[in-house]
Structure formats: structure tokens, C-alpha cells
N, C-alpha and C. Protein backbone atom coordinates (compact mmCIF):
# COMPACT_ATOMS: atom_id res chain seq x y z
N MET A 1 -8.66 11.33 18.72
CA MET A 1 -9.67 10.67 17.89
C MET A 1 -11.03 11.37 18.00
N ASN A 2 -11.02 12.61 18.51
CA ASN A 2 -12.26 13.36 18.63
C ASN A 2 -12.92 13.54 17.27
N ASN A 3 -14.21 13.19 17.19
CA ASN A 3 -15.04 13.39 16.00
C ASN A 3 -14.62 12.55 14.80
N ILE A 4 -13.73 11.60 14.98
CA ILE A 4 -13.35 10.69 13.89
C ILE A 4 -14.38 9.56 13.82
N ASN A 5 -14.88 9.29 12.61
CA ASN A 5 -15.79 8.16 12.44
C ASN A 5 -15.29 7.15 11.41
N THR A 6 -14.23 7.52 10.68
CA THR A 6 -13.69 6.65 9.63
C THR A 6 -12.17 6.69 9.66
N ILE A 7 -11.56 5.52 9.53
CA ILE A 7 -10.09 5.44 9.45
C ILE A 7 -9.72 4.79 8.12
N ILE A 8 -8.84 5.47 7.38
CA ILE A 8 -8.32 4.94 6.12
C ILE A 8 -6.88 4.49 6.36
N PHE A 9 -6.62 3.22 6.17
CA PHE A 9 -5.28 2.67 6.36
C PHE A 9 -4.60 2.45 5.01
N ASP A 10 -3.32 2.79 4.95
CA ASP A 10 -2.45 2.32 3.88
C ASP A 10 -2.16 0.85 4.18
N LEU A 11 -1.66 0.12 3.19
CA LEU A 11 -1.33 -1.30 3.39
C LEU A 11 0.15 -1.51 3.69
N GLY A 12 1.02 -1.27 2.71
CA GLY A 12 2.44 -1.56 2.88
C GLY A 12 3.12 -0.66 3.88
N ALA A 13 3.83 -1.25 4.84
CA ALA A 13 4.58 -0.57 5.89
C ALA A 13 3.67 0.03 6.96
N VAL A 14 2.37 -0.21 6.83
CA VAL A 14 1.42 0.22 7.85
C VAL A 14 0.73 -1.01 8.45
N ILE A 15 0.20 -1.86 7.60
CA ILE A 15 -0.40 -3.12 8.06
C ILE A 15 0.53 -4.29 7.70
N LEU A 16 0.91 -4.34 6.44
CA LEU A 16 1.83 -5.38 5.94
C LEU A 16 3.27 -4.88 6.02
N ASN A 17 4.14 -5.67 6.60
CA ASN A 17 5.56 -5.30 6.63
C ASN A 17 6.15 -5.45 5.23
N ILE A 18 6.85 -4.42 4.78
CA ILE A 18 7.54 -4.46 3.50
C ILE A 18 8.93 -3.87 3.66
N ASP A 19 9.80 -4.18 2.71
CA ASP A 19 11.16 -3.64 2.73
C ASP A 19 11.58 -3.33 1.30
N TYR A 20 11.48 -2.05 0.94
CA TYR A 20 11.83 -1.63 -0.42
C TYR A 20 13.26 -2.03 -0.78
N HIS A 21 14.15 -2.03 0.22
CA HIS A 21 15.55 -2.33 -0.05
C HIS A 21 15.74 -3.76 -0.55
N LYS A 22 14.86 -4.67 -0.16
CA LYS A 22 14.98 -6.05 -0.64
C LYS A 22 14.74 -6.12 -2.15
N THR A 23 13.77 -5.37 -2.62
CA THR A 23 13.54 -5.32 -4.07
C THR A 23 14.66 -4.57 -4.77
N MET A 24 15.12 -3.47 -4.17
CA MET A 24 16.23 -2.72 -4.76
C MET A 24 17.48 -3.60 -4.86
N ASP A 25 17.79 -4.34 -3.79
CA ASP A 25 18.96 -5.23 -3.79
C ASP A 25 18.80 -6.34 -4.82
N ALA A 26 17.58 -6.87 -4.93
CA ALA A 26 17.33 -7.94 -5.89
C ALA A 26 17.49 -7.44 -7.32
N PHE A 27 17.02 -6.22 -7.59
CA PHE A 27 17.22 -5.63 -8.91
C PHE A 27 18.71 -5.44 -9.20
N ALA A 28 19.43 -4.96 -8.20
CA ALA A 28 20.87 -4.74 -8.38
C ALA A 28 21.58 -6.05 -8.75
N LYS A 29 21.17 -7.15 -8.10
CA LYS A 29 21.78 -8.45 -8.40
C LYS A 29 21.47 -8.92 -9.81
N LEU A 30 20.36 -8.40 -10.37
CA LEU A 30 19.99 -8.76 -11.74
C LEU A 30 20.63 -7.82 -12.76
N GLY A 31 21.47 -6.89 -12.26
CA GLY A 31 22.21 -6.03 -13.16
C GLY A 31 21.59 -4.67 -13.44
N VAL A 32 20.52 -4.33 -12.72
CA VAL A 32 19.90 -3.02 -12.92
C VAL A 32 20.85 -1.93 -12.42
N ALA A 33 21.13 -0.95 -13.26
CA ALA A 33 22.05 0.13 -12.88
C ALA A 33 21.31 1.23 -12.13
N ASP A 34 22.02 1.90 -11.21
CA ASP A 34 21.49 3.05 -10.47
C ASP A 34 20.12 2.74 -9.88
N VAL A 35 20.09 1.69 -9.06
CA VAL A 35 18.83 1.19 -8.51
C VAL A 35 18.07 2.25 -7.71
N ALA A 36 18.79 3.09 -6.97
CA ALA A 36 18.14 4.10 -6.13
C ALA A 36 17.27 5.04 -6.96
N ASN A 37 17.72 5.36 -8.16
CA ASN A 37 16.93 6.22 -9.03
C ASN A 37 15.93 5.41 -9.87
N PHE A 38 16.19 4.13 -10.00
CA PHE A 38 15.31 3.25 -10.77
C PHE A 38 14.03 2.97 -10.00
N TYR A 39 14.17 2.66 -8.70
CA TYR A 39 12.99 2.31 -7.89
C TYR A 39 13.29 2.59 -6.42
N SER A 40 12.41 3.34 -5.78
CA SER A 40 12.54 3.59 -4.34
C SER A 40 11.19 4.01 -3.79
N LYS A 41 11.11 4.09 -2.49
CA LYS A 41 9.87 4.53 -1.83
C LYS A 41 9.54 5.97 -2.20
N GLN A 42 10.56 6.79 -2.34
CA GLN A 42 10.36 8.22 -2.55
C GLN A 42 10.03 8.59 -3.99
N GLN A 43 10.51 7.79 -4.93
CA GLN A 43 10.27 8.18 -6.33
C GLN A 43 10.02 6.97 -7.20
N GLN A 44 9.16 7.19 -8.21
CA GLN A 44 8.85 6.13 -9.14
C GLN A 44 8.79 6.71 -10.54
N THR A 45 9.19 5.90 -11.50
CA THR A 45 9.14 6.32 -12.89
C THR A 45 7.71 6.11 -13.43
N THR A 46 7.49 6.56 -14.64
CA THR A 46 6.17 6.39 -15.26
C THR A 46 5.82 4.91 -15.41
N LEU A 47 6.82 4.04 -15.52
CA LEU A 47 6.55 2.60 -15.63
C LEU A 47 5.86 2.09 -14.37
N PHE A 48 6.34 2.49 -13.21
CA PHE A 48 5.74 2.04 -11.96
C PHE A 48 4.37 2.68 -11.74
N ASP A 49 4.24 3.93 -12.17
CA ASP A 49 2.92 4.57 -12.11
C ASP A 49 1.93 3.79 -12.97
N ALA A 50 2.39 3.34 -14.13
CA ALA A 50 1.51 2.63 -15.07
C ALA A 50 1.00 1.32 -14.49
N ILE A 51 1.88 0.54 -13.85
CA ILE A 51 1.44 -0.74 -13.28
C ILE A 51 0.53 -0.51 -12.08
N GLU A 52 0.79 0.57 -11.33
CA GLU A 52 -0.01 0.84 -10.14
C GLU A 52 -1.36 1.48 -10.45
N THR A 53 -1.55 1.92 -11.68
CA THR A 53 -2.87 2.45 -12.07
C THR A 53 -3.54 1.57 -13.12
N GLY A 54 -2.98 0.39 -13.34
CA GLY A 54 -3.59 -0.57 -14.24
C GLY A 54 -3.53 -0.21 -15.70
N LYS A 55 -2.57 0.64 -16.07
CA LYS A 55 -2.47 1.10 -17.46
C LYS A 55 -1.54 0.22 -18.30
N ILE A 56 -0.94 -0.78 -17.70
CA ILE A 56 -0.05 -1.68 -18.41
C ILE A 56 -0.29 -3.09 -17.86
N THR A 57 -0.18 -4.09 -18.72
CA THR A 57 -0.40 -5.46 -18.26
C THR A 57 0.77 -5.92 -17.39
N GLU A 58 0.52 -6.94 -16.61
CA GLU A 58 1.57 -7.49 -15.75
C GLU A 58 2.76 -7.98 -16.58
N HIS A 59 2.46 -8.70 -17.67
CA HIS A 59 3.54 -9.25 -18.49
C HIS A 59 4.35 -8.14 -19.15
N SER A 60 3.66 -7.13 -19.67
CA SER A 60 4.36 -6.01 -20.32
C SER A 60 5.25 -5.29 -19.32
N PHE A 61 4.75 -5.13 -18.10
CA PHE A 61 5.53 -4.49 -17.04
C PHE A 61 6.79 -5.29 -16.74
N LEU A 62 6.65 -6.59 -16.58
CA LEU A 62 7.81 -7.43 -16.28
C LEU A 62 8.80 -7.44 -17.44
N GLN A 63 8.29 -7.40 -18.65
CA GLN A 63 9.18 -7.33 -19.82
C GLN A 63 9.98 -6.03 -19.82
N LYS A 64 9.32 -4.93 -19.48
CA LYS A 64 10.00 -3.64 -19.41
C LYS A 64 11.09 -3.66 -18.34
N LEU A 65 10.78 -4.24 -17.19
CA LEU A 65 11.79 -4.38 -16.14
C LEU A 65 12.95 -5.24 -16.63
N GLN A 66 12.61 -6.31 -17.33
CA GLN A 66 13.62 -7.24 -17.82
C GLN A 66 14.65 -6.53 -18.71
N GLU A 67 14.21 -5.54 -19.45
CA GLU A 67 15.10 -4.80 -20.35
C GLU A 67 16.20 -4.06 -19.59
N SER A 68 15.97 -3.78 -18.30
CA SER A 68 16.96 -3.06 -17.50
C SER A 68 17.93 -4.00 -16.79
N THR A 69 17.72 -5.30 -16.95
CA THR A 69 18.60 -6.28 -16.31
C THR A 69 19.65 -6.78 -17.30
N THR A 70 20.55 -7.59 -16.79
CA THR A 70 21.53 -8.23 -17.68
C THR A 70 21.05 -9.64 -18.01
N ASN A 71 20.00 -9.69 -18.83
CA ASN A 71 19.47 -10.95 -19.34
C ASN A 71 18.83 -11.85 -18.28
N ALA A 72 18.15 -11.25 -17.30
CA ALA A 72 17.44 -12.04 -16.29
C ALA A 72 16.15 -12.59 -16.89
N SER A 73 15.68 -13.71 -16.36
CA SER A 73 14.43 -14.29 -16.83
C SER A 73 13.25 -13.49 -16.27
N ILE A 74 12.08 -13.67 -16.90
CA ILE A 74 10.86 -13.02 -16.40
C ILE A 74 10.56 -13.48 -14.97
N ALA A 75 10.77 -14.76 -14.71
CA ALA A 75 10.51 -15.30 -13.36
C ALA A 75 11.42 -14.64 -12.33
N ALA A 76 12.68 -14.45 -12.70
CA ALA A 76 13.63 -13.80 -11.78
C ALA A 76 13.24 -12.34 -11.53
N VAL A 77 12.78 -11.68 -12.57
CA VAL A 77 12.34 -10.29 -12.43
C VAL A 77 11.12 -10.21 -11.51
N GLN A 78 10.19 -11.14 -11.70
CA GLN A 78 8.99 -11.16 -10.85
C GLN A 78 9.35 -11.42 -9.39
N ASN A 79 10.27 -12.34 -9.16
CA ASN A 79 10.71 -12.64 -7.79
C ASN A 79 11.37 -11.42 -7.15
N ALA A 80 12.15 -10.69 -7.94
CA ALA A 80 12.79 -9.48 -7.43
C ALA A 80 11.75 -8.42 -7.09
N TRP A 81 10.75 -8.29 -7.95
CA TRP A 81 9.69 -7.32 -7.73
C TRP A 81 8.90 -7.63 -6.47
N ASN A 82 8.71 -8.92 -6.19
CA ASN A 82 7.94 -9.34 -5.01
C ASN A 82 8.79 -9.45 -3.75
N ALA A 83 10.09 -9.24 -3.86
CA ALA A 83 10.98 -9.45 -2.71
C ALA A 83 10.66 -8.54 -1.53
N LEU A 84 10.05 -7.41 -1.79
CA LEU A 84 9.77 -6.45 -0.71
C LEU A 84 8.66 -6.92 0.23
N LEU A 85 7.85 -7.87 -0.20
CA LEU A 85 6.71 -8.33 0.61
C LEU A 85 7.20 -9.20 1.76
N LEU A 86 6.87 -8.80 2.98
CA LEU A 86 7.30 -9.55 4.16
C LEU A 86 6.09 -10.17 4.87
N ASP A 87 5.98 -9.99 6.17
CA ASP A 87 4.94 -10.66 6.94
C ASP A 87 3.78 -9.73 7.29
N LEU A 88 2.71 -10.33 7.75
CA LEU A 88 1.49 -9.61 8.14
C LEU A 88 1.23 -9.90 9.62
N PRO A 89 1.67 -9.01 10.51
CA PRO A 89 1.56 -9.28 11.95
C PRO A 89 0.10 -9.44 12.42
N GLU A 90 -0.15 -10.53 13.12
CA GLU A 90 -1.51 -10.84 13.59
C GLU A 90 -2.05 -9.77 14.53
N GLU A 91 -1.16 -9.16 15.33
CA GLU A 91 -1.64 -8.17 16.29
C GLU A 91 -2.21 -6.93 15.60
N ARG A 92 -1.72 -6.61 14.41
CA ARG A 92 -2.28 -5.48 13.65
C ARG A 92 -3.67 -5.81 13.14
N LEU A 93 -3.86 -7.06 12.73
CA LEU A 93 -5.19 -7.49 12.29
C LEU A 93 -6.16 -7.48 13.46
N ALA A 94 -5.68 -7.90 14.62
CA ALA A 94 -6.52 -7.88 15.82
C ALA A 94 -6.92 -6.45 16.17
N LEU A 95 -5.99 -5.52 16.02
CA LEU A 95 -6.28 -4.11 16.28
C LEU A 95 -7.38 -3.60 15.35
N ILE A 96 -7.25 -3.90 14.07
CA ILE A 96 -8.25 -3.42 13.10
C ILE A 96 -9.62 -4.01 13.41
N LYS A 97 -9.65 -5.28 13.83
CA LYS A 97 -10.93 -5.90 14.22
C LYS A 97 -11.57 -5.13 15.37
N GLU A 98 -10.77 -4.72 16.32
CA GLU A 98 -11.28 -3.94 17.45
C GLU A 98 -11.77 -2.57 17.00
N LEU A 99 -11.00 -1.91 16.16
CA LEU A 99 -11.37 -0.58 15.68
C LEU A 99 -12.64 -0.62 14.85
N LYS A 100 -12.86 -1.73 14.16
CA LYS A 100 -14.04 -1.89 13.30
C LYS A 100 -15.34 -1.84 14.11
N LYS A 101 -15.26 -2.13 15.40
CA LYS A 101 -16.44 -2.06 16.27
C LYS A 101 -16.91 -0.62 16.47
N GLU A 102 -15.98 0.31 16.27
CA GLU A 102 -16.25 1.72 16.57
C GLU A 102 -16.19 2.65 15.36
N TYR A 103 -15.41 2.25 14.34
CA TYR A 103 -15.18 3.12 13.18
C TYR A 103 -15.44 2.37 11.87
N SER A 104 -15.75 3.13 10.84
CA SER A 104 -15.70 2.57 9.48
C SER A 104 -14.22 2.44 9.10
N ILE A 105 -13.86 1.33 8.51
CA ILE A 105 -12.46 1.06 8.20
C ILE A 105 -12.30 0.84 6.70
N LEU A 106 -11.40 1.63 6.10
CA LEU A 106 -11.14 1.53 4.66
C LEU A 106 -9.65 1.28 4.42
N LEU A 107 -9.33 0.69 3.28
CA LEU A 107 -7.94 0.47 2.90
C LEU A 107 -7.67 1.24 1.61
N LEU A 108 -6.56 1.96 1.58
CA LEU A 108 -6.16 2.70 0.38
C LEU A 108 -4.69 2.42 0.12
N SER A 109 -4.42 1.70 -0.97
CA SER A 109 -3.05 1.26 -1.23
C SER A 109 -2.64 1.53 -2.66
N ASN A 110 -1.45 2.12 -2.82
CA ASN A 110 -0.79 2.14 -4.12
C ASN A 110 -0.17 0.76 -4.31
N THR A 111 -0.75 -0.03 -5.19
CA THR A 111 -0.24 -1.39 -5.36
C THR A 111 -0.48 -1.83 -6.80
N ASN A 112 -0.31 -3.10 -7.05
CA ASN A 112 -0.41 -3.62 -8.41
C ASN A 112 -0.83 -5.08 -8.36
N ALA A 113 -1.30 -5.58 -9.48
CA ALA A 113 -1.83 -6.94 -9.52
C ALA A 113 -0.79 -7.99 -9.16
N ILE A 114 0.47 -7.75 -9.50
CA ILE A 114 1.52 -8.73 -9.21
C ILE A 114 1.73 -8.86 -7.71
N HIS A 115 1.83 -7.74 -7.02
CA HIS A 115 2.00 -7.77 -5.57
C HIS A 115 0.77 -8.33 -4.86
N ILE A 116 -0.41 -7.93 -5.32
CA ILE A 116 -1.63 -8.42 -4.67
C ILE A 116 -1.78 -9.93 -4.87
N ASP A 117 -1.46 -10.43 -6.05
CA ASP A 117 -1.53 -11.87 -6.29
C ASP A 117 -0.55 -12.62 -5.39
N ALA A 118 0.65 -12.06 -5.23
CA ALA A 118 1.66 -12.69 -4.36
C ALA A 118 1.21 -12.65 -2.91
N PHE A 119 0.60 -11.53 -2.51
CA PHE A 119 0.09 -11.37 -1.15
C PHE A 119 -1.02 -12.38 -0.88
N LYS A 120 -1.92 -12.55 -1.84
CA LYS A 120 -3.00 -13.52 -1.70
C LYS A 120 -2.46 -14.94 -1.53
N LYS A 121 -1.46 -15.29 -2.35
CA LYS A 121 -0.86 -16.63 -2.26
C LYS A 121 -0.18 -16.83 -0.92
N GLN A 122 0.47 -15.76 -0.44
CA GLN A 122 1.16 -15.82 0.85
C GLN A 122 0.16 -16.09 1.98
N LEU A 123 -1.00 -15.47 1.91
CA LEU A 123 -2.00 -15.63 2.96
C LEU A 123 -2.80 -16.92 2.81
N GLY A 124 -3.09 -17.30 1.57
CA GLY A 124 -4.01 -18.40 1.31
C GLY A 124 -5.43 -17.85 1.22
N ALA A 125 -6.30 -18.60 0.56
CA ALA A 125 -7.65 -18.11 0.25
C ALA A 125 -8.45 -17.74 1.49
N GLU A 126 -8.39 -18.58 2.52
CA GLU A 126 -9.19 -18.33 3.73
C GLU A 126 -8.74 -17.07 4.45
N LYS A 127 -7.44 -16.91 4.62
CA LYS A 127 -6.92 -15.73 5.32
C LYS A 127 -7.10 -14.47 4.50
N TRP A 128 -7.01 -14.60 3.16
CA TRP A 128 -7.24 -13.43 2.31
C TRP A 128 -8.68 -12.94 2.48
N GLU A 129 -9.61 -13.87 2.55
CA GLU A 129 -11.02 -13.48 2.74
C GLU A 129 -11.20 -12.80 4.09
N GLU A 130 -10.59 -13.37 5.13
CA GLU A 130 -10.66 -12.76 6.47
C GLU A 130 -10.07 -11.35 6.45
N PHE A 131 -8.95 -11.21 5.75
CA PHE A 131 -8.31 -9.90 5.65
C PHE A 131 -9.22 -8.91 4.94
N SER A 132 -9.79 -9.31 3.82
CA SER A 132 -10.67 -8.43 3.04
C SER A 132 -11.86 -7.96 3.86
N LEU A 133 -12.39 -8.84 4.69
CA LEU A 133 -13.58 -8.52 5.48
C LEU A 133 -13.30 -7.55 6.62
N LEU A 134 -12.03 -7.28 6.88
CA LEU A 134 -11.69 -6.27 7.90
C LEU A 134 -12.09 -4.87 7.45
N PHE A 135 -12.25 -4.67 6.14
CA PHE A 135 -12.46 -3.34 5.59
C PHE A 135 -13.85 -3.20 4.99
N ASP A 136 -14.44 -2.03 5.19
CA ASP A 136 -15.72 -1.75 4.55
C ASP A 136 -15.54 -1.71 3.03
N LYS A 137 -14.38 -1.27 2.60
CA LYS A 137 -14.03 -1.33 1.18
C LYS A 137 -12.52 -1.18 1.05
N MET A 138 -11.96 -1.87 0.06
CA MET A 138 -10.54 -1.74 -0.25
C MET A 138 -10.38 -0.97 -1.55
N TYR A 139 -9.56 0.07 -1.51
CA TYR A 139 -9.24 0.85 -2.71
C TYR A 139 -7.80 0.54 -3.11
N LEU A 140 -7.67 -0.29 -4.14
CA LEU A 140 -6.35 -0.67 -4.65
C LEU A 140 -6.11 0.11 -5.92
N SER A 141 -5.00 0.82 -5.99
CA SER A 141 -4.76 1.78 -7.06
C SER A 141 -4.92 1.18 -8.46
N HIS A 142 -4.44 -0.05 -8.65
CA HIS A 142 -4.51 -0.64 -9.99
C HIS A 142 -5.93 -1.00 -10.40
N GLU A 143 -6.83 -1.11 -9.42
CA GLU A 143 -8.23 -1.41 -9.72
C GLU A 143 -9.04 -0.15 -9.98
N VAL A 144 -8.72 0.93 -9.27
CA VAL A 144 -9.51 2.16 -9.43
C VAL A 144 -8.89 3.12 -10.44
N GLY A 145 -7.64 2.86 -10.86
CA GLY A 145 -7.00 3.69 -11.87
C GLY A 145 -6.47 5.01 -11.35
N LEU A 146 -6.35 5.12 -10.05
CA LEU A 146 -5.82 6.33 -9.41
C LEU A 146 -4.87 5.91 -8.31
N ARG A 147 -3.84 6.74 -8.08
CA ARG A 147 -2.91 6.43 -7.01
C ARG A 147 -2.58 7.69 -6.21
N LYS A 148 -2.23 7.48 -4.95
CA LYS A 148 -1.74 8.58 -4.12
C LYS A 148 -0.42 9.08 -4.71
N PRO A 149 -0.10 10.36 -4.63
CA PRO A 149 -0.81 11.43 -3.92
C PRO A 149 -1.84 12.19 -4.74
N ASN A 150 -2.34 11.62 -5.85
CA ASN A 150 -3.39 12.27 -6.61
C ASN A 150 -4.60 12.49 -5.70
N LYS A 151 -5.02 13.72 -5.55
CA LYS A 151 -6.12 14.04 -4.64
C LYS A 151 -7.44 13.44 -5.09
N ASP A 152 -7.53 13.09 -6.37
CA ASP A 152 -8.78 12.51 -6.88
C ASP A 152 -9.15 11.22 -6.16
N ILE A 153 -8.14 10.44 -5.75
CA ILE A 153 -8.42 9.19 -5.05
C ILE A 153 -9.03 9.46 -3.68
N PHE A 154 -8.59 10.53 -3.03
CA PHE A 154 -9.17 10.89 -1.73
C PHE A 154 -10.59 11.41 -1.90
N HIS A 155 -10.80 12.24 -2.92
CA HIS A 155 -12.15 12.75 -3.19
C HIS A 155 -13.10 11.61 -3.53
N LEU A 156 -12.62 10.63 -4.29
CA LEU A 156 -13.44 9.47 -4.64
C LEU A 156 -13.94 8.76 -3.38
N ILE A 157 -13.03 8.52 -2.45
CA ILE A 157 -13.40 7.82 -1.22
C ILE A 157 -14.37 8.65 -0.38
N LEU A 158 -14.08 9.93 -0.22
CA LEU A 158 -14.97 10.79 0.56
C LEU A 158 -16.37 10.81 -0.04
N ASN A 159 -16.44 10.92 -1.36
CA ASN A 159 -17.74 10.99 -2.04
C ASN A 159 -18.50 9.68 -1.98
N GLU A 160 -17.79 8.57 -2.20
CA GLU A 160 -18.47 7.26 -2.23
C GLU A 160 -19.07 6.89 -0.88
N HIS A 161 -18.45 7.37 0.19
CA HIS A 161 -18.91 7.00 1.54
C HIS A 161 -19.56 8.18 2.27
N SER A 162 -19.79 9.27 1.54
CA SER A 162 -20.42 10.46 2.13
C SER A 162 -19.69 10.89 3.40
N LEU A 163 -18.37 10.95 3.32
CA LEU A 163 -17.54 11.28 4.46
C LEU A 163 -17.19 12.77 4.47
N LYS A 164 -17.02 13.29 5.67
CA LYS A 164 -16.47 14.63 5.83
C LYS A 164 -14.98 14.47 6.13
N ALA A 165 -14.17 15.27 5.46
CA ALA A 165 -12.72 15.15 5.61
C ALA A 165 -12.30 15.30 7.07
N GLU A 166 -12.92 16.23 7.78
CA GLU A 166 -12.51 16.50 9.17
C GLU A 166 -12.89 15.38 10.13
N ASN A 167 -13.75 14.45 9.68
CA ASN A 167 -14.13 13.30 10.52
C ASN A 167 -13.43 12.02 10.09
N THR A 168 -12.44 12.18 9.21
CA THR A 168 -11.74 11.03 8.63
C THR A 168 -10.26 11.07 8.99
N LEU A 169 -9.72 9.94 9.43
CA LEU A 169 -8.30 9.82 9.74
C LEU A 169 -7.63 8.94 8.71
N PHE A 170 -6.53 9.42 8.15
CA PHE A 170 -5.75 8.69 7.15
C PHE A 170 -4.37 8.39 7.73
N ILE A 171 -3.95 7.12 7.66
CA ILE A 171 -2.66 6.69 8.20
C ILE A 171 -1.82 6.11 7.07
N ASP A 172 -0.63 6.69 6.85
CA ASP A 172 0.21 6.30 5.72
C ASP A 172 1.66 6.56 6.11
N ASP A 173 2.58 5.84 5.46
CA ASP A 173 4.01 6.00 5.79
C ASP A 173 4.75 6.92 4.84
N SER A 174 4.07 7.45 3.81
CA SER A 174 4.73 8.30 2.82
C SER A 174 4.33 9.76 3.01
N PRO A 175 5.30 10.65 3.24
CA PRO A 175 4.97 12.05 3.52
C PRO A 175 4.23 12.74 2.40
N GLN A 176 4.51 12.38 1.14
CA GLN A 176 3.82 13.02 0.03
C GLN A 176 2.33 12.67 -0.01
N HIS A 177 1.99 11.48 0.47
CA HIS A 177 0.58 11.08 0.53
C HIS A 177 -0.13 11.80 1.66
N ILE A 178 0.55 11.92 2.79
CA ILE A 178 0.00 12.65 3.93
C ILE A 178 -0.26 14.10 3.56
N LYS A 179 0.69 14.71 2.88
CA LYS A 179 0.58 16.11 2.47
C LYS A 179 -0.67 16.32 1.61
N ALA A 180 -0.89 15.43 0.65
CA ALA A 180 -2.05 15.56 -0.24
C ALA A 180 -3.35 15.43 0.52
N ALA A 181 -3.40 14.47 1.44
CA ALA A 181 -4.63 14.27 2.23
C ALA A 181 -4.92 15.49 3.11
N LYS A 182 -3.87 16.01 3.74
CA LYS A 182 -4.05 17.17 4.62
C LYS A 182 -4.53 18.40 3.84
N GLU A 183 -4.07 18.52 2.61
CA GLU A 183 -4.43 19.69 1.80
C GLU A 183 -5.92 19.74 1.47
N ILE A 184 -6.60 18.58 1.56
CA ILE A 184 -8.05 18.61 1.35
C ILE A 184 -8.80 18.42 2.66
N GLY A 185 -8.08 18.56 3.77
CA GLY A 185 -8.72 18.60 5.07
C GLY A 185 -8.85 17.29 5.81
N ILE A 186 -8.30 16.21 5.25
CA ILE A 186 -8.36 14.91 5.94
C ILE A 186 -7.35 14.90 7.08
N ARG A 187 -7.79 14.51 8.25
CA ARG A 187 -6.88 14.40 9.39
C ARG A 187 -5.96 13.21 9.14
N SER A 188 -4.68 13.41 9.28
CA SER A 188 -3.71 12.41 8.82
C SER A 188 -2.60 12.20 9.82
N HIS A 189 -2.08 10.98 9.80
CA HIS A 189 -0.91 10.66 10.64
C HIS A 189 0.16 10.02 9.76
N HIS A 190 1.33 10.62 9.74
CA HIS A 190 2.48 10.06 9.03
C HIS A 190 3.14 9.03 9.93
N LEU A 191 3.01 7.76 9.57
CA LEU A 191 3.59 6.68 10.37
C LEU A 191 5.08 6.59 10.08
N LEU A 192 5.89 6.85 11.07
CA LEU A 192 7.33 6.85 10.91
C LEU A 192 7.89 5.43 10.94
N ASP A 193 9.14 5.29 10.53
CA ASP A 193 9.76 3.96 10.44
C ASP A 193 9.80 3.24 11.79
N ASP A 194 9.90 4.00 12.87
CA ASP A 194 10.00 3.38 14.20
C ASP A 194 8.65 3.32 14.91
N GLU A 195 7.58 3.58 14.18
CA GLU A 195 6.23 3.51 14.75
C GLU A 195 5.49 2.28 14.24
N ASP A 196 4.49 1.90 15.01
CA ASP A 196 3.59 0.81 14.63
C ASP A 196 2.18 1.31 14.89
N ILE A 197 1.21 0.89 14.09
CA ILE A 197 -0.16 1.37 14.31
C ILE A 197 -0.68 0.99 15.70
N LEU A 198 -0.12 -0.05 16.29
CA LEU A 198 -0.52 -0.41 17.66
C LEU A 198 -0.22 0.71 18.65
N MET A 199 0.83 1.49 18.36
CA MET A 199 1.22 2.60 19.24
C MET A 199 0.22 3.75 19.15
N LEU A 200 -0.53 3.83 18.05
CA LEU A 200 -1.49 4.92 17.88
C LEU A 200 -2.78 4.67 18.63
N PHE A 201 -3.02 3.41 18.96
CA PHE A 201 -4.27 3.04 19.64
C PHE A 201 -3.94 2.18 20.86
N PRO A 202 -3.26 2.75 21.85
CA PRO A 202 -2.80 1.95 23.00
C PRO A 202 -3.95 1.33 23.77
N GLY A 203 -3.72 0.09 24.20
CA GLY A 203 -4.70 -0.59 25.03
C GLY A 203 -5.82 -1.26 24.28
N ARG A 204 -5.83 -1.13 22.94
CA ARG A 204 -6.92 -1.73 22.17
C ARG A 204 -6.76 -3.24 22.03
N VAL A 205 -5.52 -3.69 22.00
CA VAL A 205 -5.24 -5.13 21.85
C VAL A 205 -4.38 -5.57 23.03
N GLN A 206 -4.81 -6.63 23.68
CA GLN A 206 -4.07 -7.13 24.84
C GLN A 206 -3.08 -8.21 24.40
């Protein structure tokens, strides 16, 4: 952590537990063919890019998904889309609170209004506010119109906060996002499936 003054956290699979397979399985049950190529952590179609950059409405997105099912309702499609959202471990929040005493803390997430609305409901208004206050700023792809691994989103953050790439640490679970950050000089850690952010900062939370 030498010379680091800012930490940028991803949300899903870094702070919030998620399981892409739950959404993939739910889509399969709704009749979506070739789910692995339809939706996965590693690849997304232009439809998913569109919802994550705010270029398509929530309803239009769900309607498009519905077309790939065997006559599933919009509600069923939405439930399948949200199936990947799991729990938010309190110890990770406690860690970020501790780190905030020493570092600027930012959130950078490829996400969409449907998932964020579901996440807010899951937490409740009070906990959502507490969560939001953990970060100096949250960069949600659907709000800023950019998503990782587009380097423009990293440049935006560096410029808005007058950050130097070499003094910034980025933590994400997707190798393509890590690669993009490293290419512009941001110090980065690829969080593996068997890792937890608590392991990166031992002794910070008792």
C-alpha cells in the first residue's frame, strides 16, 4: 500500500456477494437458449451494454429479454435478472469504514437501474444511505454512461478527483477490467474467486 491514497472498489463479487449462475439458471428455466453465450461474467451482448450505460429503458430491456424466453412474464424476467444478487457481508462494510479513515474511497460498478433498485430495496432506505456514505463518490455505469473496461471511465475518475494513477488502487474481480486499469497506470488487484477483500487488509477488522 506504499504511496496509495485512494482505493476504488468494484461492487459485485467484491463488496456485494453475487452469483451469475443464479441468473443464468433462472434464464434457462424461462426457456432462454444457450444461456452461457446469452449472459455471463466474461461476455455480454450489446443489450447488456445498453442497460449498463443507460442507453435503454428498464422496461425496454426487460421486454427484449422476454423475447428470448418461452412466453415468460415481465415480472418473471425481472426476477431472473435480479437472481444473482445475494448478501452484503457486514464485515466488508466495517473494513471500508476503517479504510476510509486513511484513504479516499470510491466505488466503480458496471451495473444498471434494475439491479440498483433491487439492491436498495434489499438494504432498506437507512442502510442504503449508510452504504452510500462509505464512499466519497459512487460511479455507477448506467448513471455516467460509461462502463469498464472502457478506459474513459478510469480517466473520468482520475480527472474528477485530481488523482495520480500510481497512487490509486483498483480492486475488481474481472480480469478485463484490471487489464484496462493497469494499462493506464492504475495499481490494481484482481480479486480471485477464493479471495475476500478482508484478506487484502489483514488486521483492519477484528
